[in-house]
Amino acid sequence: LILFVWPVGLLGGDDDGGDSAAGGNGQGGQQTRLVGQVVLEPRREGSDDAGLALVTRTGDQFELALEARLTPTKRNQAYEVWLYNSRQDAVSLGAQVTDDQGAFAGRAALPDDWKSYEFVDISRERVDRNAAHSGTSVLRGEIADVEQPVQQQQQQQGGNSGADGGDGG
């Protein structure tokens, strides 16, 4: 199983724009910008599982950053993140275990065809040599629902008011 690499503080609200020890502008000094986010919904009724996926872009490279609260993993169990259309048409982005409280987070590069998938999916998997989706999805969000966070939309609207306000006649 591939493990995610998660820079601490990416989703934790550390957005002061200061220097990042993790090299927050990754590819040759190019700035990473938030493309959008999608809420990941539980697949079974009554579940307390919840998650949020962020799509970021650095240069030409898109990445998925994810944070979730899941039922803590047991021995020989992990959660795997997928770009998903069906069990037969799914691409793994990586897998890992939760901490004792069920915190799960990761980041992975997205393939060029990521928009051709309908969902971001998190499944519970046995740690074994079977690379296929188990069929046990716990969280899922529609890629078509990836949207800019409200705060970013408001900032863009406020910054564009001079450019958009010129049709008064």
Protein backbone atom coordinates (compact mmCIF):
# COMPACT_ATOMS: atom_id res chain seq x y z
CA LEU A 1 0.00 0.00 0.00
CA ILE A 2 1.17 3.51 -0.78
CA LEU A 3 1.24 5.89 2.16
CA PHE A 4 0.20 9.51 1.94
CA VAL A 5 2.63 12.22 2.94
CA TRP A 6 0.77 14.86 4.96
CA PRO A 7 2.28 18.25 5.78
CA VAL A 8 1.12 19.21 9.26
CA GLY A 9 -1.01 22.35 9.32
CA LEU A 10 -2.23 22.25 5.71
CA LEU A 11 -5.85 21.96 6.78
CA GLY A 12 -5.29 23.16 10.33
CA GLY A 13 -5.89 26.83 9.60
CA ASP A 14 -2.25 27.90 9.30
CA ASP A 15 -2.90 30.29 6.42
CA ASP A 16 -0.86 33.28 7.49
CA GLY A 17 1.16 33.16 4.28
CA GLY A 18 4.43 32.86 6.17
CA ASP A 19 7.36 30.63 5.32
CA SER A 20 6.64 26.92 5.38
CA ALA A 21 9.17 24.37 6.55
CA ALA A 22 7.53 21.86 4.22
CA GLY A 23 8.22 24.05 1.17
CA GLY A 24 4.61 25.08 0.60
CA ASN A 25 5.35 26.37 -2.88
CA GLY A 26 6.70 23.01 -4.00
CA GLN A 27 7.56 22.98 -7.69
CA GLY A 28 10.46 25.35 -8.39
CA GLY A 29 9.07 28.20 -6.30
CA GLN A 30 5.62 28.09 -7.93
CA GLN A 31 2.76 29.01 -5.64
CA THR A 32 0.26 26.33 -4.62
CA ARG A 33 -3.31 27.55 -4.92
CA LEU A 34 -6.58 26.07 -3.77
CA VAL A 35 -8.74 24.98 -6.71
CA GLY A 36 -11.68 23.78 -4.64
CA GLN A 37 -13.03 21.51 -1.95
CA VAL A 38 -15.61 18.75 -1.63
CA VAL A 39 -17.26 17.40 1.50
CA LEU A 40 -16.99 13.62 1.83
CA GLU A 41 -20.25 12.10 3.06
CA PRO A 42 -20.69 8.82 4.99
CA ARG A 43 -21.83 5.85 2.92
CA ARG A 44 -23.75 4.19 5.72
CA GLU A 45 -26.62 5.69 7.66
CA GLY A 46 -25.85 6.62 11.26
CA SER A 47 -22.10 6.82 10.68
CA ASP A 48 -20.11 9.57 12.38
CA ASP A 49 -17.38 9.39 9.70
CA ALA A 50 -16.73 12.74 7.97
CA GLY A 51 -14.13 14.21 5.67
CA LEU A 52 -13.04 17.04 3.43
CA ALA A 53 -10.99 16.81 0.24
CA LEU A 54 -9.13 19.79 -1.19
CA VAL A 55 -7.88 20.04 -4.76
CA THR A 56 -4.78 22.20 -5.10
CA ARG A 57 -2.65 23.17 -8.07
CA THR A 58 1.04 23.95 -8.30
CA GLY A 59 2.03 24.84 -11.84
CA ASP A 60 0.47 22.13 -14.02
CA GLN A 61 0.22 19.56 -11.20
CA PHE A 62 -3.08 18.98 -9.38
CA GLU A 63 -3.06 17.36 -5.93
CA LEU A 64 -5.68 16.02 -3.57
CA ALA A 65 -5.29 16.83 0.12
CA LEU A 66 -7.65 15.06 2.44
CA GLU A 67 -8.58 15.15 6.11
CA ALA A 68 -11.14 12.84 7.71
CA ARG A 69 -12.41 11.51 11.01
CA LEU A 70 -13.03 7.76 10.68
CA THR A 71 -13.59 4.74 12.87
CA PRO A 72 -10.06 3.91 14.07
CA THR A 73 -8.37 1.18 12.07
CA LYS A 74 -7.83 -2.26 13.55
CA ARG A 75 -4.90 -4.61 13.06
CA ASN A 76 -4.30 -5.49 9.37
CA GLN A 77 -6.72 -2.77 8.25
CA ALA A 78 -6.22 0.55 6.45
CA TYR A 79 -8.26 3.17 4.64
CA GLU A 80 -7.56 3.73 0.96
CA VAL A 81 -8.39 6.83 -1.11
CA TRP A 82 -9.62 6.37 -4.67
CA LEU A 83 -10.67 8.23 -7.75
CA TYR A 84 -13.77 6.16 -8.35
CA ASN A 85 -16.35 5.39 -11.02
CA SER A 86 -16.98 1.75 -10.04
CA ARG A 87 -15.11 -1.08 -8.31
CA GLN A 88 -13.70 -2.01 -11.72
CA ASP A 89 -12.87 1.60 -12.68
CA ALA A 90 -11.03 3.03 -9.69
CA VAL A 91 -7.52 4.40 -9.22
CA SER A 92 -5.87 4.28 -5.81
CA LEU A 93 -4.21 7.46 -4.55
CA GLY A 94 -2.80 5.77 -1.46
CA ALA A 95 -3.67 4.22 1.88
CA GLN A 96 -2.81 4.47 5.54
CA VAL A 97 -4.11 3.81 9.02
CA THR A 98 -5.79 6.28 11.35
CA ASP A 99 -4.43 7.38 14.69
CA ASP A 100 -6.10 6.08 17.88
CA GLN A 101 -8.77 8.80 17.66
CA GLY A 102 -9.61 8.06 14.01
CA ALA A 103 -7.79 11.03 12.45
CA PHE A 104 -6.89 10.34 8.83
CA ALA A 105 -5.07 12.73 6.52
CA GLY A 106 -3.06 12.58 3.33
CA ARG A 107 -1.97 14.21 0.13
CA ALA A 108 -1.34 12.74 -3.31
CA ALA A 109 -0.71 13.91 -6.87
CA LEU A 110 -3.74 13.57 -9.14
CA PRO A 111 -3.39 11.92 -12.57
CA ASP A 112 -4.05 14.06 -15.65
CA ASP A 113 -7.46 12.42 -16.17
CA TRP A 114 -8.71 13.00 -12.59
CA LYS A 115 -11.79 14.89 -13.80
CA SER A 116 -12.95 11.78 -15.69
CA TYR A 117 -13.78 10.14 -12.35
CA GLU A 118 -17.12 10.71 -10.68
CA PHE A 119 -16.08 10.40 -7.02
CA VAL A 120 -13.36 10.72 -4.42
CA ASP A 121 -13.91 7.58 -2.35
CA ILE A 122 -12.43 6.25 0.90
CA SER A 123 -12.72 2.50 1.45
CA ARG A 124 -11.81 0.25 4.36
CA GLU A 125 -9.30 -2.36 3.17
CA ARG A 126 -7.49 -5.39 4.54
CA VAL A 127 -3.74 -4.97 4.43
CA ASP A 128 -2.91 -7.66 1.90
CA ARG A 129 -1.65 -8.04 -1.67
CA ASN A 130 -5.08 -7.43 -3.24
CA ALA A 131 -4.85 -4.05 -4.98
CA ALA A 132 -8.56 -3.90 -5.91
CA HIS A 133 -11.23 -1.81 -4.18
CA SER A 134 -12.81 -3.86 -1.38
CA GLY A 135 -16.32 -2.60 -2.04
CA THR A 136 -16.52 -1.24 1.51
CA SER A 137 -16.71 2.52 0.91
CA VAL A 138 -16.98 4.62 4.07
CA LEU A 139 -16.86 8.19 2.65
CA ARG A 140 -17.54 9.58 -0.80
CA GLY A 141 -17.79 12.97 -2.49
CA GLU A 142 -18.62 13.91 -6.07
CA ILE A 143 -15.76 15.41 -8.06
CA ALA A 144 -18.35 17.53 -9.91
CA ASP A 145 -19.07 19.16 -6.52
CA VAL A 146 -15.51 20.49 -6.14
CA GLU A 147 -16.08 24.18 -5.52
CA GLN A 148 -14.14 27.13 -4.25
CA PRO A 149 -14.51 27.76 -0.52
CA VAL A 150 -16.90 30.64 0.26
CA GLN A 151 -14.11 32.80 1.73
CA GLN A 152 -12.07 32.50 -1.49
CA GLN A 153 -15.15 33.28 -3.63
CA GLN A 154 -15.82 36.42 -1.58
CA GLN A 155 -12.20 37.55 -1.88
CA GLN A 156 -12.31 37.12 -5.67
CA GLN A 157 -15.63 38.96 -5.96
CA GLY A 158 -14.31 41.82 -3.84
CA GLY A 159 -11.12 42.03 -5.88
CA ASN A 160 -12.96 41.96 -9.21
CA SER A 161 -15.55 44.63 -8.48
CA GLY A 162 -13.72 47.23 -10.57
CA ALA A 163 -13.44 44.89 -13.56
CA ASP A 164 -17.07 43.74 -13.46
CA GLY A 165 -18.75 47.07 -12.71
CA GLY A 166 -18.37 48.68 -16.14
CA ASP A 167 -21.68 47.86 -17.86
CA GLY A 168 -23.69 50.84 -16.63
CA GLY A 169 -24.81 52.02 -20.04
